[in-house]
Amino acid sequence: MRTWKDYKEHIKSVDPEISKDLEEVEGISKIVSAMVEQRTAMGLSQRELAAMCGIPQSSVARIESCRTTPNLGTLLNIFQHLGLQLTVTPASPPF
């Protein structure tokens, strides 16, 4: 296997449970990456974003480092202050 993508596809084909876990982690990573990119583009520090949202700076740091997954209310609060919108789309069939 040459790339991370090749490895992921191999693992997904070998173990369906790991496949679900990888998809979940990748989904969370996309959300967190969008949050960090927007905060950075707006020129905000973690402390400034936290103050805007009324949450501790340490919570922003834990979310951005993927050490914790925020609850939906916290995520929507952060996204609102960053001018981001969370969109839900149907998942592809599991078969």
PDB file of N, CA and C in Angstrom:
ATOM      1  N   MET A   1       0.831  -1.177   0.000  1.00  0.00           N
ATOM      2  CA  MET A   1       0.000   0.000   0.000  1.00  0.00           C
ATOM      3  C   MET A   1       0.879   1.245   0.000  1.00  0.00           C
ATOM      4  N   ARG A   2       0.520   2.170  -0.837  1.00  0.00           N
ATOM      5  CA  ARG A   2       1.366   3.331  -1.020  1.00  0.00           C
ATOM      6  C   ARG A   2       0.892   4.554  -0.245  1.00  0.00           C
ATOM      7  N   THR A   3      -0.398   4.699  -0.076  1.00  0.00           N
ATOM      8  CA  THR A   3      -0.908   5.917   0.548  1.00  0.00           C
ATOM      9  C   THR A   3      -1.818   5.587   1.721  1.00  0.00           C
ATOM     10  N   TRP A   4      -2.098   6.618   2.485  1.00  0.00           N
ATOM     11  CA  TRP A   4      -3.031   6.488   3.602  1.00  0.00           C
ATOM     12  C   TRP A   4      -4.399   6.079   3.067  1.00  0.00           C
ATOM     13  N   LYS A   5      -4.806   6.649   1.937  1.00  0.00           N
ATOM     14  CA  LYS A   5      -6.093   6.310   1.342  1.00  0.00           C
ATOM     15  C   LYS A   5      -6.145   4.824   0.981  1.00  0.00           C
ATOM     16  N   ASP A   6      -5.069   4.306   0.405  1.00  0.00           N
ATOM     17  CA  ASP A   6      -5.010   2.874   0.077  1.00  0.00           C
ATOM     18  C   ASP A   6      -5.155   2.025   1.335  1.00  0.00           C
ATOM     19  N   TYR A   7      -4.458   2.431   2.383  1.00  0.00           N
ATOM     20  CA  TYR A   7      -4.509   1.682   3.644  1.00  0.00           C
ATOM     21  C   TYR A   7      -5.922   1.701   4.216  1.00  0.00           C
ATOM     22  N   LYS A   8      -6.550   2.883   4.217  1.00  0.00           N
ATOM     23  CA  LYS A   8      -7.917   2.990   4.736  1.00  0.00           C
ATOM     24  C   LYS A   8      -8.872   2.099   3.964  1.00  0.00           C
ATOM     25  N   GLU A   9      -8.773   2.120   2.649  1.00  0.00           N
ATOM     26  CA  GLU A   9      -9.650   1.291   1.831  1.00  0.00           C
ATOM     27  C   GLU A   9      -9.429  -0.195   2.120  1.00  0.00           C
ATOM     28  N   HIS A  10      -8.178  -0.577   2.325  1.00  0.00           N
ATOM     29  CA  HIS A  10      -7.872  -1.966   2.662  1.00  0.00           C
ATOM     30  C   HIS A  10      -8.510  -2.338   4.004  1.00  0.00           C
ATOM     31  N   ILE A  11      -8.308  -1.505   5.005  1.00  0.00           N
ATOM     32  CA  ILE A  11      -8.861  -1.781   6.333  1.00  0.00           C
ATOM     33  C   ILE A  11     -10.385  -1.827   6.280  1.00  0.00           C
ATOM     34  N   LYS A  12     -10.990  -0.910   5.550  1.00  0.00           N
ATOM     35  CA  LYS A  12     -12.449  -0.885   5.435  1.00  0.00           C
ATOM     36  C   LYS A  12     -12.976  -2.166   4.799  1.00  0.00           C
ATOM     37  N   SER A  13     -12.244  -2.707   3.843  1.00  0.00           N
ATOM     38  CA  SER A  13     -12.695  -3.928   3.184  1.00  0.00           C
ATOM     39  C   SER A  13     -12.498  -5.160   4.068  1.00  0.00           C
ATOM     40  N   VAL A  14     -11.568  -5.091   5.003  1.00  0.00           N
ATOM     41  CA  VAL A  14     -11.257  -6.235   5.859  1.00  0.00           C
ATOM     42  C   VAL A  14     -12.162  -6.296   7.088  1.00  0.00           C
ATOM     43  N   ASP A  15     -12.462  -5.146   7.678  1.00  0.00           N
ATOM     44  CA  ASP A  15     -13.198  -5.130   8.938  1.00  0.00           C
ATOM     45  C   ASP A  15     -14.278  -4.050   8.919  1.00  0.00           C
ATOM     46  N   PRO A  16     -15.554  -4.435   8.780  1.00  0.00           N
ATOM     47  CA  PRO A  16     -16.642  -3.461   8.702  1.00  0.00           C
ATOM     48  C   PRO A  16     -16.763  -2.578   9.952  1.00  0.00           C
ATOM     49  N   GLU A  17     -16.433  -3.125  11.110  1.00  0.00           N
ATOM     50  CA  GLU A  17     -16.529  -2.333  12.341  1.00  0.00           C
ATOM     51  C   GLU A  17     -15.487  -1.216  12.342  1.00  0.00           C
ATOM     52  N   ILE A  18     -14.277  -1.534  11.940  1.00  0.00           N
ATOM     53  CA  ILE A  18     -13.232  -0.516  11.846  1.00  0.00           C
ATOM     54  C   ILE A  18     -13.610   0.500  10.775  1.00  0.00           C
ATOM     55  N   SER A  19     -14.258   0.050   9.731  1.00  0.00           N
ATOM     56  CA  SER A  19     -14.703   0.949   8.671  1.00  0.00           C
ATOM     57  C   SER A  19     -15.643   2.012   9.236  1.00  0.00           C
ATOM     58  N   LYS A  20     -16.575   1.601  10.079  1.00  0.00           N
ATOM     59  CA  LYS A  20     -17.502   2.551  10.713  1.00  0.00           C
ATOM     60  C   LYS A  20     -16.734   3.546  11.582  1.00  0.00           C
ATOM     61  N   ASP A  21     -15.793   3.034  12.358  1.00  0.00           N
ATOM     62  CA  ASP A  21     -15.002   3.902  13.235  1.00  0.00           C
ATOM     63  C   ASP A  21     -14.207   4.920  12.429  1.00  0.00           C
ATOM     64  N   LEU A  22     -13.595   4.481  11.346  1.00  0.00           N
ATOM     65  CA  LEU A  22     -12.819   5.396  10.502  1.00  0.00           C
ATOM     66  C   LEU A  22     -13.703   6.478   9.906  1.00  0.00           C
ATOM     67  N   GLU A  23     -14.877   6.106   9.440  1.00  0.00           N
ATOM     68  CA  GLU A  23     -15.799   7.081   8.860  1.00  0.00           C
ATOM     69  C   GLU A  23     -16.240   8.101   9.902  1.00  0.00           C
ATOM     70  N   GLU A  24     -16.487   7.645  11.118  1.00  0.00           N
ATOM     71  CA  GLU A  24     -16.885   8.555  12.190  1.00  0.00           C
ATOM     72  C   GLU A  24     -15.757   9.542  12.510  1.00  0.00           C
ATOM     73  N   VAL A  25     -14.548   9.030  12.638  1.00  0.00           N
ATOM     74  CA  VAL A  25     -13.398   9.882  12.938  1.00  0.00           C
ATOM     75  C   VAL A  25     -13.161  10.886  11.816  1.00  0.00           C
ATOM     76  N   GLU A  26     -13.285  10.442  10.581  1.00  0.00           N
ATOM     77  CA  GLU A  26     -13.092  11.347   9.449  1.00  0.00           C
ATOM     78  C   GLU A  26     -14.156  12.431   9.425  1.00  0.00           C
ATOM     79  N   GLY A  27     -15.390  12.085   9.774  1.00  0.00           N
ATOM     80  CA  GLY A  27     -16.468  13.077   9.834  1.00  0.00           C
ATOM     81  C   GLY A  27     -16.206  14.128  10.894  1.00  0.00           C
ATOM     82  N   ILE A  28     -15.792  13.686  12.068  1.00  0.00           N
ATOM     83  CA  ILE A  28     -15.473  14.611  13.156  1.00  0.00           C
ATOM     84  C   ILE A  28     -14.299  15.493  12.761  1.00  0.00           C
ATOM     85  N   SER A  29     -13.318  14.897  12.125  1.00  0.00           N
ATOM     86  CA  SER A  29     -12.140  15.645  11.697  1.00  0.00           C
ATOM     87  C   SER A  29     -12.499  16.755  10.711  1.00  0.00           C
ATOM     88  N   LYS A  30     -13.414  16.476   9.794  1.00  0.00           N
ATOM     89  CA  LYS A  30     -13.843  17.490   8.831  1.00  0.00           C
ATOM     90  C   LYS A  30     -14.520  18.662   9.538  1.00  0.00           C
ATOM     91  N   ILE A  31     -15.350  18.365  10.515  1.00  0.00           N
ATOM     92  CA  ILE A  31     -16.048  19.417  11.255  1.00  0.00           C
ATOM     93  C   ILE A  31     -15.054  20.272  12.021  1.00  0.00           C
ATOM     94  N   VAL A  32     -14.145  19.634  12.727  1.00  0.00           N
ATOM     95  CA  VAL A  32     -13.149  20.362  13.521  1.00  0.00           C
ATOM     96  C   VAL A  32     -12.220  21.169  12.607  1.00  0.00           C
ATOM     97  N   SER A  33     -11.829  20.599  11.495  1.00  0.00           N
ATOM     98  CA  SER A  33     -10.954  21.316  10.562  1.00  0.00           C
ATOM     99  C   SER A  33     -11.631  22.574  10.031  1.00  0.00           C
ATOM    100  N   ALA A  34     -12.906  22.476   9.705  1.00  0.00           N
ATOM    101  CA  ALA A  34     -13.649  23.652   9.218  1.00  0.00           C
ATOM    102  C   ALA A  34     -13.691  24.730  10.294  1.00  0.00           C
ATOM    103  N   MET A  35     -13.882  24.305  11.528  1.00  0.00           N
ATOM    104  CA  MET A  35     -13.930  25.245  12.646  1.00  0.00           C
ATOM    105  C   MET A  35     -12.592  25.964  12.813  1.00  0.00           C
ATOM    106  N   VAL A  36     -11.508  25.214  12.817  1.00  0.00           N
ATOM    107  CA  VAL A  36     -10.172  25.793  13.000  1.00  0.00           C
ATOM    108  C   VAL A  36      -9.820  26.721  11.830  1.00  0.00           C
ATOM    109  N   GLU A  37     -10.106  26.275  10.617  1.00  0.00           N
ATOM    110  CA  GLU A  37      -9.802  27.096   9.446  1.00  0.00           C
ATOM    111  C   GLU A  37     -10.557  28.421   9.487  1.00  0.00           C
ATOM    112  N   GLN A  38     -11.827  28.379   9.855  1.00  0.00           N
ATOM    113  CA  GLN A  38     -12.620  29.613   9.900  1.00  0.00           C
ATOM    114  C   GLN A  38     -12.152  30.533  11.026  1.00  0.00           C
ATOM    115  N   ARG A  39     -11.866  29.960  12.183  1.00  0.00           N
ATOM    116  CA  ARG A  39     -11.369  30.781  13.305  1.00  0.00           C
ATOM    117  C   ARG A  39     -10.081  31.475  12.902  1.00  0.00           C
ATOM    118  N   THR A  40      -9.190  30.738  12.280  1.00  0.00           N
ATOM    119  CA  THR A  40      -7.906  31.286  11.841  1.00  0.00           C
ATOM    120  C   THR A  40      -8.111  32.362  10.770  1.00  0.00           C
ATOM    121  N   ALA A  41      -8.994  32.083   9.810  1.00  0.00           N
ATOM    122  CA  ALA A  41      -9.263  33.049   8.742  1.00  0.00           C
ATOM    123  C   ALA A  41      -9.844  34.351   9.302  1.00  0.00           C
ATOM    124  N   MET A  42     -10.593  34.240  10.387  1.00  0.00           N
ATOM    125  CA  MET A  42     -11.183  35.432  11.013  1.00  0.00           C
ATOM    126  C   MET A  42     -10.185  36.154  11.916  1.00  0.00           C
ATOM    127  N   GLY A  43      -9.005  35.551  12.098  1.00  0.00           N
ATOM    128  CA  GLY A  43      -7.985  36.166  12.934  1.00  0.00           C
ATOM    129  C   GLY A  43      -8.283  36.089  14.418  1.00  0.00           C
ATOM    130  N   LEU A  44      -9.044  35.086  14.809  1.00  0.00           N
ATOM    131  CA  LEU A  44      -9.424  34.927  16.221  1.00  0.00           C
ATOM    132  C   LEU A  44      -8.520  33.918  16.913  1.00  0.00           C
ATOM    133  N   SER A  45      -8.195  34.202  18.144  1.00  0.00           N
ATOM    134  CA  SER A  45      -7.499  33.224  18.968  1.00  0.00           C
ATOM    135  C   SER A  45      -8.546  32.294  19.585  1.00  0.00           C
ATOM    136  N   GLN A  46      -8.078  31.199  20.135  1.00  0.00           N
ATOM    137  CA  GLN A  46      -9.005  30.316  20.848  1.00  0.00           C
ATOM    138  C   GLN A  46      -9.671  31.064  21.995  1.00  0.00           C
ATOM    139  N   ARG A  47      -8.902  31.878  22.686  1.00  0.00           N
ATOM    140  CA  ARG A  47      -9.430  32.641  23.823  1.00  0.00           C
ATOM    141  C   ARG A  47     -10.531  33.605  23.374  1.00  0.00           C
ATOM    142  N   GLU A  48     -10.315  34.274  22.242  1.00  0.00           N
ATOM    143  CA  GLU A  48     -11.318  35.214  21.736  1.00  0.00           C
ATOM    144  C   GLU A  48     -12.597  34.493  21.320  1.00  0.00           C
ATOM    145  N   LEU A  49     -12.449  33.366  20.630  1.00  0.00           N
ATOM    146  CA  LEU A  49     -13.622  32.588  20.231  1.00  0.00           C
ATOM    147  C   LEU A  49     -14.378  32.099  21.459  1.00  0.00           C
ATOM    148  N   ALA A  50     -13.648  31.602  22.429  1.00  0.00           N
ATOM    149  CA  ALA A  50     -14.279  31.106  23.652  1.00  0.00           C
ATOM    150  C   ALA A  50     -15.072  32.211  24.337  1.00  0.00           C
ATOM    151  N   ALA A  51     -14.509  33.403  24.420  1.00  0.00           N
ATOM    152  CA  ALA A  51     -15.196  34.531  25.056  1.00  0.00           C
ATOM    153  C   ALA A  51     -16.475  34.874  24.291  1.00  0.00           C
ATOM    154  N   MET A  52     -16.417  34.862  22.980  1.00  0.00           N
ATOM    155  CA  MET A  52     -17.593  35.147  22.157  1.00  0.00           C
ATOM    156  C   MET A  52     -18.701  34.128  22.410  1.00  0.00           C
ATOM    157  N   CYS A  53     -18.295  32.877  22.624  1.00  0.00           N
ATOM    158  CA  CYS A  53     -19.254  31.780  22.785  1.00  0.00           C
ATOM    159  C   CYS A  53     -19.682  31.557  24.234  1.00  0.00           C
ATOM    160  N   GLY A  54     -18.986  32.182  25.157  1.00  0.00           N
ATOM    161  CA  GLY A  54     -19.302  31.988  26.571  1.00  0.00           C
ATOM    162  C   GLY A  54     -18.877  30.632  27.101  1.00  0.00           C
ATOM    163  N   ILE A  55     -17.770  30.112  26.574  1.00  0.00           N
ATOM    164  CA  ILE A  55     -17.243  28.829  27.038  1.00  0.00           C
ATOM    165  C   ILE A  55     -15.774  29.010  27.404  1.00  0.00           C
ATOM    166  N   PRO A  56     -15.206  28.101  28.192  1.00  0.00           N
ATOM    167  CA  PRO A  56     -13.793  28.224  28.534  1.00  0.00           C
ATOM    168  C   PRO A  56     -12.879  28.009  27.316  1.00  0.00           C
ATOM    169  N   GLN A  57     -11.757  28.706  27.306  1.00  0.00           N
ATOM    170  CA  GLN A  57     -10.770  28.532  26.237  1.00  0.00           C
ATOM    171  C   GLN A  57     -10.293  27.089  26.186  1.00  0.00           C
ATOM    172  N   SER A  58     -10.203  26.452  27.337  1.00  0.00           N
ATOM    173  CA  SER A  58      -9.749  25.062  27.369  1.00  0.00           C
ATOM    174  C   SER A  58     -10.715  24.144  26.617  1.00  0.00           C
ATOM    175  N   SER A  59     -11.986  24.491  26.590  1.00  0.00           N
ATOM    176  CA  SER A  59     -12.956  23.686  25.827  1.00  0.00           C
ATOM    177  C   SER A  59     -12.688  23.800  24.337  1.00  0.00           C
ATOM    178  N   VAL A  60     -12.402  25.013  23.872  1.00  0.00           N
ATOM    179  CA  VAL A  60     -12.077  25.210  22.462  1.00  0.00           C
ATOM    180  C   VAL A  60     -10.816  24.410  22.123  1.00  0.00           C
ATOM    181  N   ALA A  61      -9.814  24.484  22.989  1.00  0.00           N
ATOM    182  CA  ALA A  61      -8.559  23.762  22.743  1.00  0.00           C
ATOM    183  C   ALA A  61      -8.797  22.257  22.680  1.00  0.00           C
ATOM    184  N   ARG A  62      -9.609  21.722  23.582  1.00  0.00           N
ATOM    185  CA  ARG A  62      -9.875  20.274  23.585  1.00  0.00           C
ATOM    186  C   ARG A  62     -10.640  19.847  22.334  1.00  0.00           C
ATOM    187  N   ILE A  63     -11.585  20.681  21.898  1.00  0.00           N
ATOM    188  CA  ILE A  63     -12.341  20.374  20.677  1.00  0.00           C
ATOM    189  C   ILE A  63     -11.403  20.395  19.477  1.00  0.00           C
ATOM    190  N   GLU A  64     -10.583  21.438  19.373  1.00  0.00           N
ATOM    191  CA  GLU A  64      -9.689  21.583  18.221  1.00  0.00           C
ATOM    192  C   GLU A  64      -8.604  20.509  18.170  1.00  0.00           C
ATOM    193  N   SER A  65      -8.250  19.959  19.295  1.00  0.00           N
ATOM    194  CA  SER A  65      -7.233  18.893  19.308  1.00  0.00           C
ATOM    195  C   SER A  65      -7.877  17.506  19.274  1.00  0.00           C
ATOM    196  N   CYS A  66      -9.198  17.482  19.121  1.00  0.00           N
ATOM    197  CA  CYS A  66      -9.979  16.228  19.059  1.00  0.00           C
ATOM    198  C   CYS A  66      -9.847  15.383  20.321  1.00  0.00           C
ATOM    199  N   ARG A  67      -9.570  16.027  21.451  1.00  0.00           N
ATOM    200  CA  ARG A  67      -9.540  15.288  22.716  1.00  0.00           C
ATOM    201  C   ARG A  67     -10.929  15.130  23.290  1.00  0.00           C
ATOM    202  N   THR A  68     -11.887  15.912  22.767  1.00  0.00           N
ATOM    203  CA  THR A  68     -13.272  15.784  23.185  1.00  0.00           C
ATOM    204  C   THR A  68     -14.170  16.087  22.007  1.00  0.00           C
ATOM    205  N   THR A  69     -15.350  15.535  22.026  1.00  0.00           N
ATOM    206  CA  THR A  69     -16.352  15.826  21.003  1.00  0.00           C
ATOM    207  C   THR A  69     -17.415  16.697  21.663  1.00  0.00           C
ATOM    208  N   PRO A  70     -17.657  17.887  21.106  1.00  0.00           N
ATOM    209  CA  PRO A  70     -18.627  18.779  21.740  1.00  0.00           C
ATOM    210  C   PRO A  70     -20.048  18.267  21.574  1.00  0.00           C
ATOM    211  N   ASN A  71     -20.926  18.673  22.511  1.00  0.00           N
ATOM    212  CA  ASN A  71     -22.332  18.346  22.307  1.00  0.00           C
ATOM    213  C   ASN A  71     -22.870  19.251  21.206  1.00  0.00           C
ATOM    214  N   LEU A  72     -24.008  18.920  20.683  1.00  0.00           N
ATOM    215  CA  LEU A  72     -24.558  19.636  19.538  1.00  0.00           C
ATOM    216  C   LEU A  72     -24.774  21.115  19.840  1.00  0.00           C
ATOM    217  N   GLY A  73     -25.250  21.428  21.028  1.00  0.00           N
ATOM    218  CA  GLY A  73     -25.477  22.829  21.395  1.00  0.00           C
ATOM    219  C   GLY A  73     -24.196  23.649  21.363  1.00  0.00           C
ATOM    220  N   THR A  74     -23.135  23.091  21.903  1.00  0.00           N
ATOM    221  CA  THR A  74     -21.841  23.781  21.903  1.00  0.00           C
ATOM    222  C   THR A  74     -21.333  23.955  20.482  1.00  0.00           C
ATOM    223  N   LEU A  75     -21.440  22.911  19.675  1.00  0.00           N
ATOM    224  CA  LEU A  75     -20.982  22.987  18.291  1.00  0.00           C
ATOM    225  C   LEU A  75     -21.751  24.059  17.522  1.00  0.00           C
ATOM    226  N   LEU A  76     -23.069  24.080  17.674  1.00  0.00           N
ATOM    227  CA  LEU A  76     -23.876  25.080  16.976  1.00  0.00           C
ATOM    228  C   LEU A  76     -23.553  26.489  17.458  1.00  0.00           C
ATOM    229  N   ASN A  77     -23.291  26.651  18.737  1.00  0.00           N
ATOM    230  CA  ASN A  77     -22.903  27.943  19.305  1.00  0.00           C
ATOM    231  C   ASN A  77     -21.606  28.425  18.657  1.00  0.00           C
ATOM    232  N   ILE A  78     -20.623  27.563  18.607  1.00  0.00           N
ATOM    233  CA  ILE A  78     -19.332  27.919  18.006  1.00  0.00           C
ATOM    234  C   ILE A  78     -19.516  28.240  16.524  1.00  0.00           C
ATOM    235  N   PHE A  79     -20.241  27.390  15.816  1.00  0.00           N
ATOM    236  CA  PHE A  79     -20.449  27.619  14.384  1.00  0.00           C
ATOM    237  C   PHE A  79     -21.170  28.944  14.132  1.00  0.00           C
ATOM    238  N   GLN A  80     -22.148  29.259  14.952  1.00  0.00           N
ATOM    239  CA  GLN A  80     -22.878  30.519  14.780  1.00  0.00           C
ATOM    240  C   GLN A  80     -21.914  31.698  14.884  1.00  0.00           C
ATOM    241  N   HIS A  81     -21.041  31.674  15.868  1.00  0.00           N
ATOM    242  CA  HIS A  81     -20.091  32.778  16.060  1.00  0.00           C
ATOM    243  C   HIS A  81     -19.017  32.819  14.975  1.00  0.00           C
ATOM    244  N   LEU A  82     -18.799  31.695  14.323  1.00  0.00           N
ATOM    245  CA  LEU A  82     -17.816  31.655  13.233  1.00  0.00           C
ATOM    246  C   LEU A  82     -18.468  31.886  11.862  1.00  0.00           C
ATOM    247  N   GLY A  83     -19.787  32.030  11.839  1.00  0.00           N
ATOM    248  CA  GLY A  83     -20.476  32.211  10.564  1.00  0.00           C
ATOM    249  C   GLY A  83     -20.528  30.940   9.738  1.00  0.00           C
ATOM    250  N   LEU A  84     -20.500  29.809  10.414  1.00  0.00           N
ATOM    251  CA  LEU A  84     -20.574  28.515   9.734  1.00  0.00           C
ATOM    252  C   LEU A  84     -21.955  27.909   9.933  1.00  0.00           C
ATOM    253  N   GLN A  85     -22.314  27.019   9.029  1.00  0.00           N
ATOM    254  CA  GLN A  85     -23.596  26.339   9.102  1.00  0.00           C
ATOM    255  C   GLN A  85     -23.356  24.840   9.057  1.00  0.00           C
ATOM    256  N   LEU A  86     -24.006  24.113   9.935  1.00  0.00           N
ATOM    257  CA  LEU A  86     -23.912  22.657   9.939  1.00  0.00           C
ATOM    258  C   LEU A  86     -24.997  22.115   9.019  1.00  0.00           C
ATOM    259  N   THR A  87     -24.609  21.293   8.063  1.00  0.00           N
ATOM    260  CA  THR A  87     -25.546  20.732   7.097  1.00  0.00           C
ATOM    261  C   THR A  87     -25.606  19.232   7.272  1.00  0.00           C
ATOM    262  N   VAL A  88     -26.822  18.699   7.238  1.00  0.00           N
ATOM    263  CA  VAL A  88     -27.033  17.261   7.374  1.00  0.00           C
ATOM    264  C   VAL A  88     -27.510  16.730   6.029  1.00  0.00           C
ATOM    265  N   THR A  89     -26.879  15.652   5.572  1.00  0.00           N
ATOM    266  CA  THR A  89     -27.275  15.022   4.320  1.00  0.00           C
ATOM    267  C   THR A  89     -27.499  13.529   4.553  1.00  0.00           C
ATOM    268  N   PRO A  90     -28.325  12.906   3.732  1.00  0.00           N
ATOM    269  CA  PRO A  90     -28.543  11.468   3.900  1.00  0.00           C
ATOM    270  C   PRO A  90     -27.244  10.687   3.679  1.00  0.00           C
ATOM    271  N   ALA A  91     -27.072   9.675   4.477  1.00  0.00           N
ATOM    272  CA  ALA A  91     -25.916   8.801   4.324  1.00  0.00           C
ATOM    273  C   ALA A  91     -26.183   7.825   3.193  1.00  0.00           C
ATOM    274  N   SER A  92     -25.133   7.314   2.615  1.00  0.00           N
ATOM    275  CA  SER A  92     -25.316   6.294   1.589  1.00  0.00           C
ATOM    276  C   SER A  92     -25.808   5.011   2.260  1.00  0.00           C
ATOM    277  N   PRO A  93     -26.543   4.199   1.544  1.00  0.00           N
ATOM    278  CA  PRO A  93     -27.039   2.945   2.141  1.00  0.00           C
ATOM    279  C   PRO A  93     -25.890   2.096   2.678  1.00  0.00           C
ATOM    280  N   PRO A  94     -26.103   1.407   3.797  1.00  0.00           N
ATOM    281  CA  PRO A  94     -25.036   0.617   4.415  1.00  0.00           C
ATOM    282  C   PRO A  94     -24.699  -0.677   3.681  1.00  0.00           C
ATOM    283  N   PHE A  95     -25.294  -0.927   2.559  1.00  0.00           N
ATOM    284  CA  PHE A  95     -25.016  -2.199   1.862  1.00  0.00           C
ATOM    285  C   PHE A  95     -24.343  -1.984   0.554  1.00  0.00           C
TER     286      PHE A  95
END
